[in-house]
């Protein structure tokens, strides 16, 4: 039986990230090329389905192994679809209703690949120039990597522990979905929590901002939804 696109991605991640070392440039390009083949339907999401009417608007057939699909445009709050997670990497999809925002947060020690499956987002991202701690909280100077709109279809992006926009925020300009691969995944126990930041503009220094660690915003609500895409065979695939 032909492997699904998400199975190809899982097999590649398993091969690359299980080595416990930073991926090479060639390996990152390989993963990016695999993400670029994936569409919303490949992870069990129907972008155009109207949840209120219950009428699916599939433009392509269901992928093998999927019986039904999550209604993308019917999502009313930020939703995370958990696909897979192990000690070495995680795969998941964030779905956003128009106008929702994932506030400024970081990815400590992580390599992150992201693919905007559908929709449009405003992305603001930074990298540290100099940072330290004050009263047990992280603060410092960052340089802007990106501050603008991103529209699907577009190529997958990648950020690294110290470059590429490791600290970022998303604002959905339209109903949107982002497929994420994180290596290693977040872990409070292993010192990789998700830290949130507030911004202090520097009017006389364009392109730079002061960030200060803050508590998780109380109004940030992320709910979970079941993964309805093709099931994964969790073993080494034929690469």
C-alpha atoms as a PDB file:
ATOM      1  CA  UNK A   1       0.000   0.000   0.000  1.00  0.00           C
ATOM      2  CA  UNK A   2       1.263   3.462  -0.896  1.00  0.00           C
ATOM      3  CA  UNK A   3       2.408   5.470   2.103  1.00  0.00           C
ATOM      4  CA  UNK A   4       0.584   8.691   2.929  1.00  0.00           C
ATOM      5  CA  UNK A   5       2.344  12.058   2.769  1.00  0.00           C
ATOM      6  CA  UNK A   6       2.231  12.397   6.531  1.00  0.00           C
ATOM      7  CA  UNK A   7       3.826   8.939   6.840  1.00  0.00           C
ATOM      8  CA  UNK A   8       6.656  10.089   4.553  1.00  0.00           C
ATOM      9  CA  UNK A   9       7.139  13.118   6.820  1.00  0.00           C
ATOM     10  CA  UNK A  10       7.096  11.001   9.983  1.00  0.00           C
ATOM     11  CA  UNK A  11       9.628   8.532   8.542  1.00  0.00           C
ATOM     12  CA  UNK A  12      11.976  11.353   7.551  1.00  0.00           C
ATOM     13  CA  UNK A  13      11.691  13.051  10.963  1.00  0.00           C
ATOM     14  CA  UNK A  14      12.281   9.734  12.690  1.00  0.00           C
ATOM     15  CA  UNK A  15      15.389   9.100  10.599  1.00  0.00           C
ATOM     16  CA  UNK A  16      16.840  12.596  11.060  1.00  0.00           C
ATOM     17  CA  UNK A  17      15.974  13.563  14.627  1.00  0.00           C
ATOM     18  CA  UNK A  18      16.543  10.191  16.296  1.00  0.00           C
ATOM     19  CA  UNK A  19      20.292  10.682  15.707  1.00  0.00           C
ATOM     20  CA  UNK A  20      20.369  13.154  18.651  1.00  0.00           C
ATOM     21  CA  UNK A  21      22.367  15.742  16.708  1.00  0.00           C
ATOM     22  CA  UNK A  22      21.609  18.899  14.796  1.00  0.00           C
ATOM     23  CA  UNK A  23      20.292  18.144  11.305  1.00  0.00           C
ATOM     24  CA  UNK A  24      22.440  18.995   8.314  1.00  0.00           C
ATOM     25  CA  UNK A  25      21.492  21.567   5.692  1.00  0.00           C
ATOM     26  CA  UNK A  26      20.634  18.765   3.276  1.00  0.00           C
ATOM     27  CA  UNK A  27      18.376  17.084   5.834  1.00  0.00           C
ATOM     28  CA  UNK A  28      16.535  20.335   6.525  1.00  0.00           C
ATOM     29  CA  UNK A  29      16.009  20.871   2.804  1.00  0.00           C
ATOM     30  CA  UNK A  30      14.656  17.340   2.528  1.00  0.00           C
ATOM     31  CA  UNK A  31      12.157  17.959   5.324  1.00  0.00           C
ATOM     32  CA  UNK A  32      11.120  21.293   3.801  1.00  0.00           C
ATOM     33  CA  UNK A  33      10.488  19.609   0.466  1.00  0.00           C
ATOM     34  CA  UNK A  34       8.284  17.010   2.178  1.00  0.00           C
ATOM     35  CA  UNK A  35       6.282  19.669   4.028  1.00  0.00           C
ATOM     36  CA  UNK A  36       5.769  21.493   0.747  1.00  0.00           C
ATOM     37  CA  UNK A  37       3.905  18.467  -0.663  1.00  0.00           C
ATOM     38  CA  UNK A  38       1.385  18.388   2.202  1.00  0.00           C
ATOM     39  CA  UNK A  39      -2.058  19.968   1.982  1.00  0.00           C
ATOM     40  CA  UNK A  40      -4.743  20.333   4.662  1.00  0.00           C
ATOM     41  CA  UNK A  41      -6.594  17.218   3.493  1.00  0.00           C
ATOM     42  CA  UNK A  42      -3.420  15.161   4.026  1.00  0.00           C
ATOM     43  CA  UNK A  43      -3.690  15.815   7.779  1.00  0.00           C
ATOM     44  CA  UNK A  44      -7.441  15.293   7.971  1.00  0.00           C
ATOM     45  CA  UNK A  45      -8.646  18.885   7.567  1.00  0.00           C
ATOM     46  CA  UNK A  46     -11.159  20.212   5.041  1.00  0.00           C
ATOM     47  CA  UNK A  47     -10.309  23.865   4.582  1.00  0.00           C
ATOM     48  CA  UNK A  48     -13.633  24.778   3.000  1.00  0.00           C
ATOM     49  CA  UNK A  49     -16.079  22.729   5.050  1.00  0.00           C
ATOM     50  CA  UNK A  50     -18.828  24.795   6.701  1.00  0.00           C
ATOM     51  CA  UNK A  51     -19.426  23.394  10.182  1.00  0.00           C
ATOM     52  CA  UNK A  52     -22.772  25.173  10.572  1.00  0.00           C
ATOM     53  CA  UNK A  53     -24.248  23.663   7.431  1.00  0.00           C
ATOM     54  CA  UNK A  54     -22.352  20.408   7.791  1.00  0.00           C
ATOM     55  CA  UNK A  55     -21.737  20.411   4.059  1.00  0.00           C
ATOM     56  CA  UNK A  56     -18.251  19.263   3.067  1.00  0.00           C
ATOM     57  CA  UNK A  57     -16.670  21.159   0.208  1.00  0.00           C
ATOM     58  CA  UNK A  58     -13.915  18.731  -0.646  1.00  0.00           C
ATOM     59  CA  UNK A  59     -12.069  19.573  -3.834  1.00  0.00           C
ATOM     60  CA  UNK A  60      -9.956  16.427  -3.584  1.00  0.00           C
ATOM     61  CA  UNK A  61     -10.727  12.863  -2.455  1.00  0.00           C
ATOM     62  CA  UNK A  62     -10.074  11.714   1.097  1.00  0.00           C
ATOM     63  CA  UNK A  63      -6.529  10.456   1.629  1.00  0.00           C
ATOM     64  CA  UNK A  64      -6.208   6.735   2.236  1.00  0.00           C
ATOM     65  CA  UNK A  65      -6.915   5.970   5.874  1.00  0.00           C
ATOM     66  CA  UNK A  66      -9.199   8.980   6.509  1.00  0.00           C
ATOM     67  CA  UNK A  67     -12.925   8.443   7.073  1.00  0.00           C
ATOM     68  CA  UNK A  68     -13.937  12.034   7.769  1.00  0.00           C
ATOM     69  CA  UNK A  69     -12.361  15.476   8.056  1.00  0.00           C
ATOM     70  CA  UNK A  70     -12.120  18.342  10.513  1.00  0.00           C
ATOM     71  CA  UNK A  71     -13.997  21.424   9.277  1.00  0.00           C
ATOM     72  CA  UNK A  72     -11.346  24.135   8.957  1.00  0.00           C
ATOM     73  CA  UNK A  73     -13.590  27.162   8.439  1.00  0.00           C
ATOM     74  CA  UNK A  74     -15.902  25.953  11.226  1.00  0.00           C
ATOM     75  CA  UNK A  75     -13.202  26.367  13.890  1.00  0.00           C
ATOM     76  CA  UNK A  76     -14.138  29.189  16.293  1.00  0.00           C
ATOM     77  CA  UNK A  77     -10.998  29.333  18.502  1.00  0.00           C
ATOM     78  CA  UNK A  78      -7.342  28.396  18.234  1.00  0.00           C
ATOM     79  CA  UNK A  79      -7.200  24.611  17.942  1.00  0.00           C
ATOM     80  CA  UNK A  80      -4.257  22.222  18.079  1.00  0.00           C
ATOM     81  CA  UNK A  81      -4.443  18.899  16.239  1.00  0.00           C
ATOM     82  CA  UNK A  82      -1.914  16.521  17.780  1.00  0.00           C
ATOM     83  CA  UNK A  83      -0.494  14.199  15.110  1.00  0.00           C
ATOM     84  CA  UNK A  84       2.532  12.650  16.862  1.00  0.00           C
ATOM     85  CA  UNK A  85       5.048  13.281  19.628  1.00  0.00           C
ATOM     86  CA  UNK A  86       8.076  11.439  21.005  1.00  0.00           C
ATOM     87  CA  UNK A  87      11.207  12.537  22.858  1.00  0.00           C
ATOM     88  CA  UNK A  88      12.892  13.607  19.624  1.00  0.00           C
ATOM     89  CA  UNK A  89      10.190  15.480  17.686  1.00  0.00           C
ATOM     90  CA  UNK A  90       6.526  16.380  17.442  1.00  0.00           C
ATOM     91  CA  UNK A  91       4.140  16.910  14.534  1.00  0.00           C
ATOM     92  CA  UNK A  92       0.931  18.901  14.872  1.00  0.00           C
ATOM     93  CA  UNK A  93      -1.352  21.455  13.253  1.00  0.00           C
ATOM     94  CA  UNK A  94      -2.525  24.797  14.652  1.00  0.00           C
ATOM     95  CA  UNK A  95      -5.873  25.935  13.232  1.00  0.00           C
ATOM     96  CA  UNK A  96      -6.830  29.601  13.589  1.00  0.00           C
ATOM     97  CA  UNK A  97     -10.128  31.416  13.080  1.00  0.00           C
ATOM     98  CA  UNK A  98      -9.796  34.838  11.466  1.00  0.00           C
ATOM     99  CA  UNK A  99      -8.628  37.481  13.920  1.00  0.00           C
ATOM    100  CA  UNK A 100      -7.154  35.087  16.471  1.00  0.00           C
ATOM    101  CA  UNK A 101      -3.610  35.526  17.739  1.00  0.00           C
ATOM    102  CA  UNK A 102      -0.882  33.284  19.111  1.00  0.00           C
ATOM    103  CA  UNK A 103       1.176  35.734  21.187  1.00  0.00           C
ATOM    104  CA  UNK A 104       4.915  36.208  21.118  1.00  0.00           C
ATOM    105  CA  UNK A 105       6.639  33.022  22.332  1.00  0.00           C
ATOM    106  CA  UNK A 106       9.939  31.201  21.899  1.00  0.00           C
ATOM    107  CA  UNK A 107      11.222  27.725  20.971  1.00  0.00           C
ATOM    108  CA  UNK A 108      14.176  27.072  23.318  1.00  0.00           C
ATOM    109  CA  UNK A 109      16.862  24.887  21.768  1.00  0.00           C
ATOM    110  CA  UNK A 110      14.533  23.772  18.992  1.00  0.00           C
ATOM    111  CA  UNK A 111      14.581  23.416  15.236  1.00  0.00           C
ATOM    112  CA  UNK A 112      11.100  24.212  13.907  1.00  0.00           C
ATOM    113  CA  UNK A 113       9.697  23.671  10.429  1.00  0.00           C
ATOM    114  CA  UNK A 114       6.341  25.239   9.578  1.00  0.00           C
ATOM    115  CA  UNK A 115       4.023  25.027   6.588  1.00  0.00           C
ATOM    116  CA  UNK A 116       1.043  27.365   6.126  1.00  0.00           C
ATOM    117  CA  UNK A 117      -1.515  24.908   4.746  1.00  0.00           C
ATOM    118  CA  UNK A 118      -4.170  27.496   3.934  1.00  0.00           C
ATOM    119  CA  UNK A 119      -5.157  31.049   4.805  1.00  0.00           C
ATOM    120  CA  UNK A 120      -3.175  34.198   5.573  1.00  0.00           C
ATOM    121  CA  UNK A 121      -1.306  35.242   8.702  1.00  0.00           C
ATOM    122  CA  UNK A 122       0.650  38.208   9.934  1.00  0.00           C
ATOM    123  CA  UNK A 123       3.986  36.940  11.227  1.00  0.00           C
ATOM    124  CA  UNK A 124       6.251  38.900  13.535  1.00  0.00           C
ATOM    125  CA  UNK A 125       9.508  37.219  14.515  1.00  0.00           C
ATOM    126  CA  UNK A 126      12.729  38.107  16.296  1.00  0.00           C
ATOM    127  CA  UNK A 127      16.136  36.715  17.218  1.00  0.00           C
ATOM    128  CA  UNK A 128      18.091  37.646  20.330  1.00  0.00           C
ATOM    129  CA  UNK A 129      20.885  40.180  19.988  1.00  0.00           C
ATOM    130  CA  UNK A 130      21.614  40.236  23.701  1.00  0.00           C
ATOM    131  CA  UNK A 131      19.618  38.814  26.562  1.00  0.00           C
ATOM    132  CA  UNK A 132      19.922  38.232  30.281  1.00  0.00           C
ATOM    133  CA  UNK A 133      17.801  37.703  33.359  1.00  0.00           C
ATOM    134  CA  UNK A 134      16.276  40.167  35.778  1.00  0.00           C
ATOM    135  CA  UNK A 135      14.373  38.979  38.856  1.00  0.00           C
ATOM    136  CA  UNK A 136      14.433  35.497  37.398  1.00  0.00           C
ATOM    137  CA  UNK A 137      12.867  36.569  34.093  1.00  0.00           C
ATOM    138  CA  UNK A 138      14.446  36.759  30.645  1.00  0.00           C
ATOM    139  CA  UNK A 139      14.777  40.168  28.983  1.00  0.00           C
ATOM    140  CA  UNK A 140      16.932  41.751  26.331  1.00  0.00           C
ATOM    141  CA  UNK A 141      17.390  43.210  22.880  1.00  0.00           C
ATOM    142  CA  UNK A 142      16.088  41.450  19.762  1.00  0.00           C
ATOM    143  CA  UNK A 143      16.375  42.133  16.050  1.00  0.00           C
ATOM    144  CA  UNK A 144      13.410  41.833  13.718  1.00  0.00           C
ATOM    145  CA  UNK A 145      13.521  38.894  11.289  1.00  0.00           C
ATOM    146  CA  UNK A 146      10.016  39.195   9.815  1.00  0.00           C
ATOM    147  CA  UNK A 147       7.100  41.569  10.239  1.00  0.00           C
ATOM    148  CA  UNK A 148       4.543  41.098   7.511  1.00  0.00           C
ATOM    149  CA  UNK A 149       1.812  39.002   5.936  1.00  0.00           C
ATOM    150  CA  UNK A 150       2.255  35.452   4.672  1.00  0.00           C
ATOM    151  CA  UNK A 151      -0.289  33.921   2.301  1.00  0.00           C
ATOM    152  CA  UNK A 152      -0.837  30.319   1.260  1.00  0.00           C
ATOM    153  CA  UNK A 153       0.326  28.702  -0.901  1.00  0.00           C
ATOM    154  CA  UNK A 154       3.908  29.350   0.163  1.00  0.00           C
ATOM    155  CA  UNK A 155       7.063  27.412   0.908  1.00  0.00           C
ATOM    156  CA  UNK A 156       7.715  25.848   4.296  1.00  0.00           C
ATOM    157  CA  UNK A 157       9.853  27.915   6.665  1.00  0.00           C
ATOM    158  CA  UNK A 158      12.489  26.860   9.184  1.00  0.00           C
ATOM    159  CA  UNK A 159      13.854  28.430  12.349  1.00  0.00           C
ATOM    160  CA  UNK A 160      16.803  27.304  14.434  1.00  0.00           C
ATOM    161  CA  UNK A 161      17.672  27.637  18.137  1.00  0.00           C
ATOM    162  CA  UNK A 162      19.537  30.909  17.567  1.00  0.00           C
ATOM    163  CA  UNK A 163      18.380  32.153  14.184  1.00  0.00           C
ATOM    164  CA  UNK A 164      15.526  32.319  11.718  1.00  0.00           C
ATOM    165  CA  UNK A 165      13.043  34.050  14.029  1.00  0.00           C
ATOM    166  CA  UNK A 166      13.002  31.744  17.066  1.00  0.00           C
ATOM    167  CA  UNK A 167      10.659  34.144  18.907  1.00  0.00           C
ATOM    168  CA  UNK A 168       7.479  34.790  16.970  1.00  0.00           C
ATOM    169  CA  UNK A 169       3.765  35.550  17.003  1.00  0.00           C
ATOM    170  CA  UNK A 170       0.929  34.818  14.565  1.00  0.00           C
ATOM    171  CA  UNK A 171      -2.227  36.799  13.853  1.00  0.00           C
ATOM    172  CA  UNK A 172      -4.697  35.101  11.514  1.00  0.00           C
ATOM    173  CA  UNK A 173      -5.870  37.441   8.765  1.00  0.00           C
ATOM    174  CA  UNK A 174      -8.229  34.711   7.519  1.00  0.00           C
ATOM    175  CA  UNK A 175      -9.069  31.169   8.673  1.00  0.00           C
ATOM    176  CA  UNK A 176      -5.650  29.486   8.606  1.00  0.00           C
ATOM    177  CA  UNK A 177      -3.797  26.303   9.494  1.00  0.00           C
ATOM    178  CA  UNK A 178      -0.084  25.777  10.173  1.00  0.00           C
ATOM    179  CA  UNK A 179       1.625  22.385  10.166  1.00  0.00           C
ATOM    180  CA  UNK A 180       4.520  22.354  12.664  1.00  0.00           C
ATOM    181  CA  UNK A 181       7.449  19.999  13.180  1.00  0.00           C
ATOM    182  CA  UNK A 182       9.410  20.681  16.385  1.00  0.00           C
ATOM    183  CA  UNK A 183      12.654  18.988  17.377  1.00  0.00           C
ATOM    184  CA  UNK A 184      12.944  18.441  20.226  1.00  0.00           C
ATOM    185  CA  UNK A 185       9.379  19.152  21.433  1.00  0.00           C
ATOM    186  CA  UNK A 186       8.472  21.438  24.331  1.00  0.00           C
ATOM    187  CA  UNK A 187       9.175  19.931  27.757  1.00  0.00           C
ATOM    188  CA  UNK A 188       8.875  21.697  31.103  1.00  0.00           C
ATOM    189  CA  UNK A 189      10.750  18.836  32.782  1.00  0.00           C
ATOM    190  CA  UNK A 190      13.705  19.066  30.402  1.00  0.00           C
ATOM    191  CA  UNK A 191      13.986  22.849  30.499  1.00  0.00           C
ATOM    192  CA  UNK A 192      12.137  23.627  27.266  1.00  0.00           C
ATOM    193  CA  UNK A 193       9.029  25.522  28.367  1.00  0.00           C
ATOM    194  CA  UNK A 194       7.155  27.901  26.106  1.00  0.00           C
ATOM    195  CA  UNK A 195       7.992  31.418  27.308  1.00  0.00           C
ATOM    196  CA  UNK A 196       5.850  34.430  26.415  1.00  0.00           C
ATOM    197  CA  UNK A 197       7.116  37.976  25.932  1.00  0.00           C
ATOM    198  CA  UNK A 198       5.899  41.553  25.899  1.00  0.00           C
ATOM    199  CA  UNK A 199       7.430  44.123  23.558  1.00  0.00           C
ATOM    200  CA  UNK A 200       8.912  47.515  24.387  1.00  0.00           C
ATOM    201  CA  UNK A 201       9.489  49.460  21.140  1.00  0.00           C
ATOM    202  CA  UNK A 202      12.655  51.499  20.612  1.00  0.00           C
ATOM    203  CA  UNK A 203      11.552  54.439  18.408  1.00  0.00           C
ATOM    204  CA  UNK A 204      15.118  55.615  17.729  1.00  0.00           C
ATOM    205  CA  UNK A 205      16.366  52.144  16.766  1.00  0.00           C
ATOM    206  CA  UNK A 206      14.235  50.795  13.890  1.00  0.00           C
ATOM    207  CA  UNK A 207      14.309  47.030  13.497  1.00  0.00           C
ATOM    208  CA  UNK A 208      15.094  46.419  17.162  1.00  0.00           C
ATOM    209  CA  UNK A 209      12.875  45.857  20.198  1.00  0.00           C
ATOM    210  CA  UNK A 210      13.213  45.119  23.894  1.00  0.00           C
ATOM    211  CA  UNK A 211      11.466  41.920  25.005  1.00  0.00           C
ATOM    212  CA  UNK A 212      10.490  41.124  28.566  1.00  0.00           C
ATOM    213  CA  UNK A 213       9.309  37.715  29.762  1.00  0.00           C
ATOM    214  CA  UNK A 214       5.681  37.695  30.862  1.00  0.00           C
ATOM    215  CA  UNK A 215       3.160  35.229  32.220  1.00  0.00           C
ATOM    216  CA  UNK A 216       1.057  33.250  29.769  1.00  0.00           C
ATOM    217  CA  UNK A 217      -1.776  35.602  28.703  1.00  0.00           C
ATOM    218  CA  UNK A 218      -4.920  34.703  30.616  1.00  0.00           C
ATOM    219  CA  UNK A 219      -7.081  35.145  27.525  1.00  0.00           C
ATOM    220  CA  UNK A 220      -5.018  32.684  25.469  1.00  0.00           C
ATOM    221  CA  UNK A 221      -7.165  29.617  24.925  1.00  0.00           C
ATOM    222  CA  UNK A 222      -5.984  26.685  22.801  1.00  0.00           C
ATOM    223  CA  UNK A 223      -8.237  23.657  22.563  1.00  0.00           C
ATOM    224  CA  UNK A 224      -7.471  20.232  21.168  1.00  0.00           C
ATOM    225  CA  UNK A 225      -9.109  18.406  18.292  1.00  0.00           C
ATOM    226  CA  UNK A 226      -8.675  14.789  17.184  1.00  0.00           C
ATOM    227  CA  UNK A 227      -6.333  13.951  14.364  1.00  0.00           C
ATOM    228  CA  UNK A 228      -8.464  12.546  11.536  1.00  0.00           C
ATOM    229  CA  UNK A 229      -5.768  12.038   8.922  1.00  0.00           C
ATOM    230  CA  UNK A 230      -4.067   8.793   7.876  1.00  0.00           C
ATOM    231  CA  UNK A 231      -2.772   6.817  10.837  1.00  0.00           C
ATOM    232  CA  UNK A 232       0.975   6.555  11.259  1.00  0.00           C
ATOM    233  CA  UNK A 233       3.003   3.372  11.362  1.00  0.00           C
ATOM    234  CA  UNK A 234       5.457   4.225  14.108  1.00  0.00           C
ATOM    235  CA  UNK A 235       8.520   2.402  12.893  1.00  0.00           C
ATOM    236  CA  UNK A 236      11.406   3.126  10.601  1.00  0.00           C
ATOM    237  CA  UNK A 237      10.078   3.483   7.085  1.00  0.00           C
ATOM    238  CA  UNK A 238      11.695   2.799   3.767  1.00  0.00           C
ATOM    239  CA  UNK A 239      13.325   6.131   2.996  1.00  0.00           C
END
